[in-house]
């Protein structure tokens, strides 16, 4: 085994990224305070061909050096929009046919491995505040809640880890079921 060099990875450029078909997912960041977490979400969203990121409330917007530090240029490839209020973003997404999915531990949440991605359905994935999680009003406006199973002493993952896990699992289900 030999580690691949960057040029051997055959990655697409930004223009190609902008023009190719995306996964039917939008990531909605509900009041994320950490600039590094925001950058990491951009980077994961680039990796899994996410349609767009909606930055809501206190979530910072590019350009910012601390977002760029972890995004490594993904703020140039992944489309994004800002909404002062997460519920306004959800209202617009619902009007465009998206199913709203809060990533949160709730009564009645669906375990990530059990969530079925429907063919020809678009999803908005809500990621919540690092301490408070997804706001209850946002959960109330959601069609589903997905929970990541956890078996240790901690009750949550970091928001950037959560996003990576959820995007990979849903991307995998979407890509290999279509």
N, C-alpha and C. Protein backbone atom coordinates (compact mmCIF):
# COMPACT_ATOMS: atom_id res chain seq x y z
N UNK A 1 0.83 -1.18 0.00
CA UNK A 1 0.00 0.00 0.00
C UNK A 1 0.88 1.24 0.00
N UNK A 2 0.49 2.21 -0.81
CA UNK A 2 1.22 3.48 -0.88
C UNK A 2 0.20 4.61 -0.86
N UNK A 3 0.45 5.57 -0.02
CA UNK A 3 -0.44 6.72 0.09
C UNK A 3 -0.53 7.45 -1.25
N UNK A 4 -1.75 7.83 -1.63
CA UNK A 4 -1.96 8.57 -2.87
C UNK A 4 -1.52 10.02 -2.72
N UNK A 5 -0.98 10.55 -3.78
CA UNK A 5 -0.65 11.97 -3.84
C UNK A 5 -1.93 12.73 -4.22
N UNK A 6 -1.99 13.98 -3.86
CA UNK A 6 -3.18 14.80 -4.13
C UNK A 6 -3.59 14.73 -5.60
N UNK A 7 -2.63 14.82 -6.51
CA UNK A 7 -2.96 14.80 -7.94
C UNK A 7 -3.51 13.45 -8.39
N UNK A 8 -3.23 12.39 -7.64
CA UNK A 8 -3.74 11.05 -7.98
C UNK A 8 -5.19 10.84 -7.53
N UNK A 9 -5.73 11.75 -6.74
CA UNK A 9 -7.10 11.61 -6.23
C UNK A 9 -8.15 11.94 -7.29
N UNK A 10 -7.74 12.63 -8.35
CA UNK A 10 -8.64 12.98 -9.45
C UNK A 10 -9.89 13.72 -8.98
N UNK A 11 -9.71 14.70 -8.13
CA UNK A 11 -10.83 15.49 -7.63
C UNK A 11 -11.30 16.47 -8.70
N UNK A 12 -12.57 16.80 -8.65
CA UNK A 12 -13.12 17.78 -9.58
C UNK A 12 -12.75 19.19 -9.10
N UNK A 13 -12.82 20.15 -10.02
CA UNK A 13 -12.57 21.54 -9.63
C UNK A 13 -13.88 22.21 -9.24
N UNK A 14 -13.80 23.44 -8.79
CA UNK A 14 -14.98 24.15 -8.29
C UNK A 14 -16.04 24.32 -9.38
N UNK A 15 -15.63 24.64 -10.60
CA UNK A 15 -16.60 24.81 -11.69
C UNK A 15 -17.34 23.50 -11.97
N UNK A 16 -16.61 22.39 -11.96
CA UNK A 16 -17.24 21.08 -12.16
C UNK A 16 -18.19 20.77 -11.00
N UNK A 17 -17.76 21.07 -9.78
CA UNK A 17 -18.60 20.84 -8.60
C UNK A 17 -19.91 21.60 -8.74
N UNK A 18 -19.82 22.86 -9.14
CA UNK A 18 -21.02 23.69 -9.26
C UNK A 18 -22.00 23.15 -10.30
N UNK A 19 -21.49 22.48 -11.32
CA UNK A 19 -22.35 22.06 -12.42
C UNK A 19 -22.87 20.63 -12.31
N UNK A 20 -22.31 19.79 -11.45
CA UNK A 20 -22.76 18.39 -11.38
C UNK A 20 -24.00 18.25 -10.50
N UNK A 21 -24.69 17.14 -10.71
CA UNK A 21 -25.88 16.84 -9.91
C UNK A 21 -25.49 16.63 -8.45
N UNK A 22 -26.25 17.24 -7.56
CA UNK A 22 -25.97 17.15 -6.12
C UNK A 22 -26.86 16.12 -5.45
N UNK A 23 -26.47 15.77 -4.26
CA UNK A 23 -27.31 14.94 -3.40
C UNK A 23 -28.54 15.77 -3.02
N UNK A 24 -29.68 15.13 -2.75
CA UNK A 24 -30.91 15.89 -2.48
C UNK A 24 -31.00 16.38 -1.03
N UNK A 25 -29.89 16.92 -0.53
CA UNK A 25 -29.83 17.33 0.88
C UNK A 25 -29.37 18.77 1.00
N UNK A 26 -30.03 19.48 1.91
CA UNK A 26 -29.56 20.79 2.35
C UNK A 26 -29.29 20.67 3.84
N UNK A 27 -28.15 21.19 4.27
CA UNK A 27 -27.82 21.21 5.68
C UNK A 27 -28.23 22.57 6.23
N UNK A 28 -28.98 22.56 7.33
CA UNK A 28 -29.41 23.79 7.98
C UNK A 28 -28.72 23.86 9.34
N UNK A 29 -27.92 24.91 9.54
CA UNK A 29 -27.23 25.09 10.82
C UNK A 29 -28.04 26.05 11.68
N UNK A 30 -28.61 25.51 12.74
CA UNK A 30 -29.49 26.24 13.65
C UNK A 30 -28.68 26.80 14.82
N UNK A 31 -28.20 28.04 14.64
CA UNK A 31 -27.50 28.77 15.71
C UNK A 31 -26.22 28.07 16.18
N UNK A 32 -25.35 27.77 15.23
CA UNK A 32 -24.06 27.15 15.55
C UNK A 32 -23.07 28.26 15.90
N UNK A 33 -22.43 28.13 17.05
CA UNK A 33 -21.57 29.22 17.52
C UNK A 33 -20.11 29.06 17.12
N UNK A 34 -19.63 27.83 16.90
CA UNK A 34 -18.22 27.60 16.62
C UNK A 34 -17.91 27.78 15.14
N UNK A 35 -17.01 28.69 14.85
CA UNK A 35 -16.60 28.93 13.47
C UNK A 35 -15.89 27.71 12.89
N UNK A 36 -15.14 27.00 13.71
CA UNK A 36 -14.47 25.79 13.23
C UNK A 36 -15.49 24.71 12.87
N UNK A 37 -16.55 24.58 13.66
CA UNK A 37 -17.61 23.62 13.32
C UNK A 37 -18.28 23.99 12.00
N UNK A 38 -18.53 25.26 11.80
CA UNK A 38 -19.14 25.72 10.55
C UNK A 38 -18.24 25.35 9.37
N UNK A 39 -16.96 25.61 9.49
CA UNK A 39 -16.02 25.25 8.43
C UNK A 39 -15.99 23.76 8.16
N UNK A 40 -16.03 22.97 9.22
CA UNK A 40 -16.04 21.51 9.06
C UNK A 40 -17.29 21.04 8.34
N UNK A 41 -18.42 21.66 8.62
CA UNK A 41 -19.67 21.30 7.94
C UNK A 41 -19.55 21.62 6.44
N UNK A 42 -18.95 22.75 6.10
CA UNK A 42 -18.73 23.07 4.69
C UNK A 42 -17.88 21.99 4.02
N UNK A 43 -16.83 21.58 4.69
CA UNK A 43 -15.92 20.59 4.11
C UNK A 43 -16.62 19.24 3.90
N UNK A 44 -17.39 18.78 4.89
CA UNK A 44 -18.14 17.53 4.75
C UNK A 44 -19.21 17.66 3.67
N UNK A 45 -19.83 18.82 3.58
CA UNK A 45 -20.86 19.05 2.57
C UNK A 45 -20.28 19.00 1.17
N UNK A 46 -19.08 19.49 1.00
CA UNK A 46 -18.39 19.38 -0.28
C UNK A 46 -18.14 17.91 -0.61
N UNK A 47 -17.66 17.15 0.36
CA UNK A 47 -17.31 15.75 0.13
C UNK A 47 -18.50 14.91 -0.33
N UNK A 48 -19.70 15.23 0.17
CA UNK A 48 -20.88 14.43 -0.14
C UNK A 48 -21.84 15.13 -1.09
N UNK A 49 -21.32 16.12 -1.84
CA UNK A 49 -22.09 16.80 -2.89
C UNK A 49 -23.42 17.36 -2.40
N UNK A 50 -23.39 18.03 -1.26
CA UNK A 50 -24.59 18.61 -0.67
C UNK A 50 -25.02 19.83 -1.50
N UNK A 51 -26.31 19.94 -1.69
CA UNK A 51 -26.89 20.99 -2.51
C UNK A 51 -26.55 22.40 -1.99
N UNK A 52 -26.70 22.59 -0.67
CA UNK A 52 -26.50 23.92 -0.10
C UNK A 52 -26.46 23.82 1.42
N UNK A 53 -25.94 24.87 2.05
CA UNK A 53 -25.97 25.00 3.50
C UNK A 53 -26.74 26.28 3.82
N UNK A 54 -27.68 26.17 4.75
CA UNK A 54 -28.40 27.34 5.23
C UNK A 54 -27.86 27.68 6.62
N UNK A 55 -27.33 28.87 6.74
CA UNK A 55 -26.75 29.36 7.99
C UNK A 55 -27.81 30.23 8.68
N UNK A 56 -28.18 29.86 9.90
CA UNK A 56 -29.30 30.54 10.56
C UNK A 56 -28.92 31.11 11.91
N UNK A 57 -29.57 32.25 12.24
CA UNK A 57 -29.40 32.86 13.56
C UNK A 57 -27.99 33.34 13.79
N UNK A 58 -27.38 32.89 14.90
CA UNK A 58 -26.03 33.35 15.27
C UNK A 58 -24.93 32.67 14.45
N UNK A 59 -25.28 31.73 13.59
CA UNK A 59 -24.28 31.04 12.78
C UNK A 59 -23.55 32.05 11.89
N UNK A 60 -22.23 32.08 12.00
CA UNK A 60 -21.42 33.02 11.23
C UNK A 60 -21.42 32.64 9.75
N UNK A 61 -21.07 33.63 8.93
CA UNK A 61 -21.07 33.45 7.48
C UNK A 61 -19.67 33.68 6.92
N UNK A 62 -19.35 32.97 5.84
CA UNK A 62 -18.09 33.26 5.14
C UNK A 62 -18.15 34.66 4.54
N UNK A 63 -17.06 35.29 4.27
CA UNK A 63 -15.71 34.82 4.56
C UNK A 63 -15.32 35.13 6.01
N UNK A 64 -14.65 34.21 6.61
CA UNK A 64 -14.10 34.39 7.95
C UNK A 64 -12.91 33.45 8.08
N UNK A 65 -11.81 33.94 8.62
CA UNK A 65 -10.58 33.15 8.66
C UNK A 65 -10.74 31.85 9.45
N UNK A 66 -11.55 31.85 10.52
CA UNK A 66 -11.72 30.64 11.32
C UNK A 66 -12.63 29.62 10.64
N UNK A 67 -13.56 30.08 9.82
CA UNK A 67 -14.36 29.16 9.01
C UNK A 67 -13.45 28.57 7.92
N UNK A 68 -12.69 29.44 7.28
CA UNK A 68 -11.79 29.02 6.20
C UNK A 68 -10.76 28.00 6.68
N UNK A 69 -10.30 28.15 7.92
CA UNK A 69 -9.27 27.28 8.47
C UNK A 69 -9.67 25.81 8.40
N UNK A 70 -10.94 25.50 8.65
CA UNK A 70 -11.38 24.10 8.60
C UNK A 70 -12.11 23.77 7.30
N UNK A 71 -12.66 24.76 6.63
CA UNK A 71 -13.38 24.51 5.36
C UNK A 71 -12.40 24.22 4.23
N UNK A 72 -11.21 24.77 4.30
CA UNK A 72 -10.18 24.58 3.27
C UNK A 72 -10.69 24.82 1.85
N UNK A 73 -11.43 25.90 1.68
CA UNK A 73 -11.91 26.28 0.35
C UNK A 73 -13.32 25.81 0.02
N UNK A 74 -13.92 24.98 0.87
CA UNK A 74 -15.27 24.47 0.58
C UNK A 74 -16.32 25.57 0.60
N UNK A 75 -16.02 26.72 1.18
CA UNK A 75 -16.98 27.82 1.13
C UNK A 75 -17.09 28.38 -0.29
N UNK A 76 -16.12 28.06 -1.14
CA UNK A 76 -16.18 28.47 -2.54
C UNK A 76 -16.96 27.47 -3.40
N UNK A 77 -16.98 26.21 -2.98
CA UNK A 77 -17.66 25.20 -3.79
C UNK A 77 -19.11 24.99 -3.38
N UNK A 78 -19.38 24.98 -2.09
CA UNK A 78 -20.73 24.69 -1.59
C UNK A 78 -21.54 25.99 -1.50
N UNK A 79 -22.70 26.00 -2.15
CA UNK A 79 -23.60 27.16 -2.06
C UNK A 79 -24.11 27.31 -0.64
N UNK A 80 -24.36 28.54 -0.23
CA UNK A 80 -24.92 28.78 1.10
C UNK A 80 -25.79 30.03 1.08
N UNK A 81 -26.69 30.07 2.05
CA UNK A 81 -27.56 31.23 2.25
C UNK A 81 -27.65 31.51 3.74
N UNK A 82 -27.98 32.74 4.08
CA UNK A 82 -28.16 33.11 5.49
C UNK A 82 -29.62 33.46 5.74
N UNK A 83 -30.14 32.98 6.88
CA UNK A 83 -31.47 33.34 7.36
C UNK A 83 -31.34 33.79 8.80
N UNK A 84 -31.95 34.90 9.12
CA UNK A 84 -31.91 35.37 10.51
C UNK A 84 -32.64 34.40 11.43
N UNK A 85 -33.69 33.77 10.91
CA UNK A 85 -34.51 32.88 11.71
C UNK A 85 -34.61 31.50 11.05
N UNK A 86 -34.31 30.46 11.79
CA UNK A 86 -34.34 29.09 11.25
C UNK A 86 -35.74 28.72 10.76
N UNK A 87 -36.78 29.18 11.45
CA UNK A 87 -38.15 28.85 11.03
C UNK A 87 -38.49 29.45 9.67
N UNK A 88 -37.90 30.59 9.34
CA UNK A 88 -38.10 31.17 8.00
C UNK A 88 -37.46 30.28 6.94
N UNK A 89 -36.27 29.76 7.24
CA UNK A 89 -35.61 28.83 6.31
C UNK A 89 -36.46 27.58 6.11
N UNK A 90 -36.98 27.05 7.20
CA UNK A 90 -37.81 25.84 7.14
C UNK A 90 -39.07 26.10 6.32
N UNK A 91 -39.70 27.22 6.53
CA UNK A 91 -40.91 27.57 5.78
C UNK A 91 -40.62 27.58 4.27
N UNK A 92 -39.52 28.20 3.89
CA UNK A 92 -39.15 28.24 2.47
C UNK A 92 -38.85 26.83 1.95
N UNK A 93 -38.13 26.05 2.72
CA UNK A 93 -37.78 24.69 2.30
C UNK A 93 -39.03 23.82 2.14
N UNK A 94 -39.96 23.94 3.07
CA UNK A 94 -41.21 23.17 2.96
C UNK A 94 -41.96 23.56 1.69
N UNK A 95 -41.99 24.85 1.38
CA UNK A 95 -42.70 25.31 0.18
C UNK A 95 -42.04 24.79 -1.10
N UNK A 96 -40.76 24.40 -1.00
CA UNK A 96 -40.02 23.85 -2.14
C UNK A 96 -40.02 22.32 -2.14
N UNK A 97 -40.80 21.71 -1.22
CA UNK A 97 -40.96 20.27 -1.23
C UNK A 97 -39.97 19.47 -0.40
N UNK A 98 -39.19 20.13 0.42
CA UNK A 98 -38.23 19.41 1.27
C UNK A 98 -38.92 18.82 2.49
N UNK A 99 -38.49 17.63 2.88
CA UNK A 99 -38.86 17.05 4.18
C UNK A 99 -37.85 17.59 5.18
N UNK A 100 -38.35 18.03 6.31
CA UNK A 100 -37.50 18.64 7.34
C UNK A 100 -37.14 17.57 8.36
N UNK A 101 -35.84 17.39 8.57
CA UNK A 101 -35.34 16.35 9.45
C UNK A 101 -34.41 16.97 10.50
N UNK A 102 -34.87 16.99 11.75
CA UNK A 102 -34.00 17.45 12.84
C UNK A 102 -33.11 16.31 13.28
N UNK A 103 -31.85 16.59 13.45
CA UNK A 103 -30.92 15.59 13.98
C UNK A 103 -30.85 15.86 15.48
N UNK A 104 -31.64 15.06 16.21
CA UNK A 104 -31.83 15.32 17.64
C UNK A 104 -32.40 14.09 18.32
N UNK A 105 -32.15 13.98 19.60
CA UNK A 105 -32.73 12.92 20.41
C UNK A 105 -34.10 13.41 20.89
N UNK A 106 -35.16 12.73 20.41
CA UNK A 106 -36.52 13.13 20.75
C UNK A 106 -37.35 11.89 21.05
N UNK A 107 -38.50 12.09 21.66
CA UNK A 107 -39.47 11.01 21.75
C UNK A 107 -39.90 10.73 20.31
N UNK A 108 -39.80 9.50 19.89
CA UNK A 108 -40.21 9.14 18.54
C UNK A 108 -39.15 9.35 17.47
N UNK A 109 -37.92 9.65 17.87
CA UNK A 109 -36.87 9.81 16.85
C UNK A 109 -36.60 8.46 16.18
N UNK A 110 -36.10 8.52 14.96
CA UNK A 110 -35.75 7.34 14.19
C UNK A 110 -34.24 7.17 14.26
N UNK A 111 -33.78 5.97 14.57
CA UNK A 111 -32.34 5.73 14.59
C UNK A 111 -31.80 5.88 13.17
N UNK A 112 -30.65 6.49 13.06
CA UNK A 112 -30.06 6.82 11.76
C UNK A 112 -30.02 5.61 10.82
N UNK A 113 -29.61 4.47 11.33
CA UNK A 113 -29.50 3.29 10.46
C UNK A 113 -30.87 2.80 9.97
N UNK A 114 -31.94 3.21 10.65
CA UNK A 114 -33.30 2.78 10.27
C UNK A 114 -34.02 3.78 9.37
N UNK A 115 -33.46 4.98 9.21
CA UNK A 115 -34.11 6.01 8.39
C UNK A 115 -33.97 5.64 6.92
N UNK A 116 -35.10 5.61 6.23
CA UNK A 116 -35.12 5.29 4.80
C UNK A 116 -35.15 6.56 3.97
N UNK A 117 -34.21 6.68 3.05
CA UNK A 117 -34.17 7.80 2.13
C UNK A 117 -35.07 7.46 0.95
N UNK A 118 -36.11 8.26 0.75
CA UNK A 118 -37.05 8.02 -0.34
C UNK A 118 -36.49 8.56 -1.65
N UNK A 119 -36.65 7.76 -2.67
CA UNK A 119 -36.24 8.18 -4.00
C UNK A 119 -37.06 9.41 -4.42
N UNK A 120 -36.46 10.36 -5.06
CA UNK A 120 -37.12 11.58 -5.56
C UNK A 120 -37.63 12.49 -4.45
N UNK A 121 -37.11 12.35 -3.23
CA UNK A 121 -37.48 13.24 -2.13
C UNK A 121 -36.26 14.07 -1.75
N UNK A 122 -36.49 15.35 -1.44
CA UNK A 122 -35.42 16.23 -0.99
C UNK A 122 -35.54 16.39 0.53
N UNK A 123 -34.39 16.51 1.19
CA UNK A 123 -34.35 16.59 2.65
C UNK A 123 -33.54 17.79 3.11
N UNK A 124 -34.05 18.46 4.14
CA UNK A 124 -33.30 19.50 4.84
C UNK A 124 -32.93 18.93 6.21
N UNK A 125 -31.65 18.89 6.49
CA UNK A 125 -31.13 18.27 7.71
C UNK A 125 -30.73 19.36 8.70
N UNK A 126 -31.44 19.43 9.82
CA UNK A 126 -31.23 20.49 10.80
C UNK A 126 -30.21 20.04 11.84
N UNK A 127 -29.12 20.79 11.94
CA UNK A 127 -28.09 20.55 12.96
C UNK A 127 -28.19 21.66 13.99
N UNK A 128 -28.24 21.28 15.27
CA UNK A 128 -28.49 22.26 16.31
C UNK A 128 -27.27 22.80 17.03
N UNK A 129 -27.55 23.79 17.84
CA UNK A 129 -26.57 24.46 18.69
C UNK A 129 -25.74 23.46 19.48
N UNK A 130 -24.47 23.75 19.66
CA UNK A 130 -23.54 22.83 20.31
C UNK A 130 -23.95 22.40 21.72
N UNK A 131 -24.61 23.27 22.46
CA UNK A 131 -25.01 22.93 23.84
C UNK A 131 -26.50 22.64 23.93
N UNK A 132 -27.31 23.48 23.31
CA UNK A 132 -28.77 23.39 23.43
C UNK A 132 -29.42 22.44 22.42
N UNK A 133 -28.69 22.05 21.38
CA UNK A 133 -29.26 21.19 20.34
C UNK A 133 -30.21 21.96 19.44
N UNK A 134 -31.07 21.23 18.75
CA UNK A 134 -32.06 21.83 17.86
C UNK A 134 -33.17 22.43 18.72
N UNK A 135 -33.52 23.67 18.43
CA UNK A 135 -34.57 24.37 19.17
C UNK A 135 -35.89 23.61 19.06
N UNK A 136 -36.65 23.57 20.16
CA UNK A 136 -37.92 22.82 20.18
C UNK A 136 -38.90 23.31 19.12
N UNK A 137 -38.94 24.62 18.86
CA UNK A 137 -39.84 25.13 17.82
C UNK A 137 -39.46 24.60 16.44
N UNK A 138 -38.17 24.40 16.23
CA UNK A 138 -37.69 23.82 14.97
C UNK A 138 -38.07 22.35 14.90
N UNK A 139 -37.92 21.63 16.01
CA UNK A 139 -38.34 20.23 16.06
C UNK A 139 -39.83 20.12 15.76
N UNK A 140 -40.63 21.02 16.34
CA UNK A 140 -42.07 21.02 16.11
C UNK A 140 -42.42 21.22 14.63
N UNK A 141 -41.57 21.94 13.91
CA UNK A 141 -41.80 22.20 12.49
C UNK A 141 -41.21 21.09 11.60
N UNK A 142 -40.60 20.10 12.20
CA UNK A 142 -39.93 19.03 11.44
C UNK A 142 -40.87 17.88 11.11
N UNK A 143 -40.55 17.19 10.03
CA UNK A 143 -41.30 16.00 9.63
C UNK A 143 -40.78 14.76 10.35
N UNK A 144 -39.48 14.75 10.65
CA UNK A 144 -38.83 13.62 11.30
C UNK A 144 -37.74 14.13 12.23
N UNK A 145 -37.35 13.27 13.16
CA UNK A 145 -36.12 13.48 13.94
C UNK A 145 -35.30 12.21 13.80
N UNK A 146 -34.03 12.39 13.52
CA UNK A 146 -33.11 11.27 13.42
C UNK A 146 -32.14 11.35 14.59
N UNK A 147 -31.87 10.18 15.16
CA UNK A 147 -30.93 10.07 16.28
C UNK A 147 -29.81 9.13 15.89
N UNK A 148 -28.59 9.50 16.26
CA UNK A 148 -27.44 8.62 16.06
C UNK A 148 -27.28 7.77 17.31
N UNK A 149 -27.27 6.44 17.17
CA UNK A 149 -27.09 5.60 18.35
C UNK A 149 -25.73 5.86 19.00
N UNK A 150 -25.72 5.88 20.32
CA UNK A 150 -24.48 6.09 21.08
C UNK A 150 -24.48 5.15 22.27
N UNK A 151 -23.31 4.62 22.60
CA UNK A 151 -23.24 3.56 23.60
C UNK A 151 -22.33 3.87 24.78
N UNK A 152 -21.70 5.01 24.80
CA UNK A 152 -20.81 5.38 25.89
C UNK A 152 -21.50 6.24 26.93
N UNK A 153 -20.73 7.00 27.66
CA UNK A 153 -21.26 7.83 28.75
C UNK A 153 -21.75 9.20 28.27
N UNK A 154 -21.30 9.66 27.12
CA UNK A 154 -21.70 10.97 26.61
C UNK A 154 -23.00 10.86 25.84
N UNK A 155 -23.76 11.93 25.84
CA UNK A 155 -25.08 11.91 25.20
C UNK A 155 -25.11 12.58 23.83
N UNK A 156 -23.95 13.08 23.37
CA UNK A 156 -23.96 13.73 22.06
C UNK A 156 -22.57 13.73 21.45
N UNK A 157 -22.55 13.93 20.12
CA UNK A 157 -21.30 14.13 19.38
C UNK A 157 -21.13 15.62 19.14
N UNK A 158 -19.92 16.03 18.79
CA UNK A 158 -19.68 17.38 18.31
C UNK A 158 -20.49 17.58 17.03
N UNK A 159 -20.95 18.79 16.79
CA UNK A 159 -21.80 19.09 15.63
C UNK A 159 -21.12 18.72 14.31
N UNK A 160 -19.83 18.92 14.20
CA UNK A 160 -19.16 18.58 12.95
C UNK A 160 -19.07 17.06 12.77
N UNK A 161 -18.88 16.32 13.85
CA UNK A 161 -18.87 14.86 13.78
C UNK A 161 -20.26 14.35 13.44
N UNK A 162 -21.27 14.89 14.10
CA UNK A 162 -22.66 14.52 13.81
C UNK A 162 -22.98 14.72 12.33
N UNK A 163 -22.62 15.87 11.82
CA UNK A 163 -22.90 16.18 10.41
C UNK A 163 -22.21 15.17 9.50
N UNK A 164 -20.96 14.88 9.77
CA UNK A 164 -20.23 13.92 8.94
C UNK A 164 -20.86 12.54 8.96
N UNK A 165 -21.24 12.07 10.14
CA UNK A 165 -21.87 10.75 10.27
C UNK A 165 -23.19 10.71 9.50
N UNK A 166 -24.03 11.71 9.73
CA UNK A 166 -25.36 11.74 9.09
C UNK A 166 -25.23 11.87 7.57
N UNK A 167 -24.37 12.76 7.12
CA UNK A 167 -24.22 12.94 5.67
C UNK A 167 -23.71 11.67 5.00
N UNK A 168 -22.75 11.02 5.61
CA UNK A 168 -22.24 9.79 5.01
C UNK A 168 -23.34 8.73 4.92
N UNK A 169 -24.06 8.53 6.00
CA UNK A 169 -25.08 7.47 6.01
C UNK A 169 -26.20 7.78 5.01
N UNK A 170 -26.67 9.01 4.96
CA UNK A 170 -27.76 9.35 4.04
C UNK A 170 -27.26 9.38 2.60
N UNK A 171 -26.05 9.88 2.38
CA UNK A 171 -25.46 9.88 1.04
C UNK A 171 -25.30 8.45 0.54
N UNK A 172 -24.81 7.57 1.40
CA UNK A 172 -24.62 6.16 1.06
C UNK A 172 -25.96 5.53 0.66
N UNK A 173 -26.98 5.78 1.47
CA UNK A 173 -28.31 5.21 1.18
C UNK A 173 -28.86 5.79 -0.14
N UNK A 174 -28.69 7.09 -0.34
CA UNK A 174 -29.19 7.72 -1.56
C UNK A 174 -28.44 7.22 -2.79
N UNK A 175 -27.13 7.27 -2.74
CA UNK A 175 -26.30 6.92 -3.90
C UNK A 175 -26.47 5.46 -4.31
N UNK A 176 -26.52 4.59 -3.34
CA UNK A 176 -26.53 3.17 -3.67
C UNK A 176 -27.93 2.59 -3.78
N UNK A 177 -28.94 3.41 -3.50
CA UNK A 177 -30.32 2.97 -3.69
C UNK A 177 -30.92 3.54 -4.96
N UNK A 178 -30.18 4.42 -5.64
CA UNK A 178 -30.67 5.05 -6.88
C UNK A 178 -29.98 4.50 -8.09
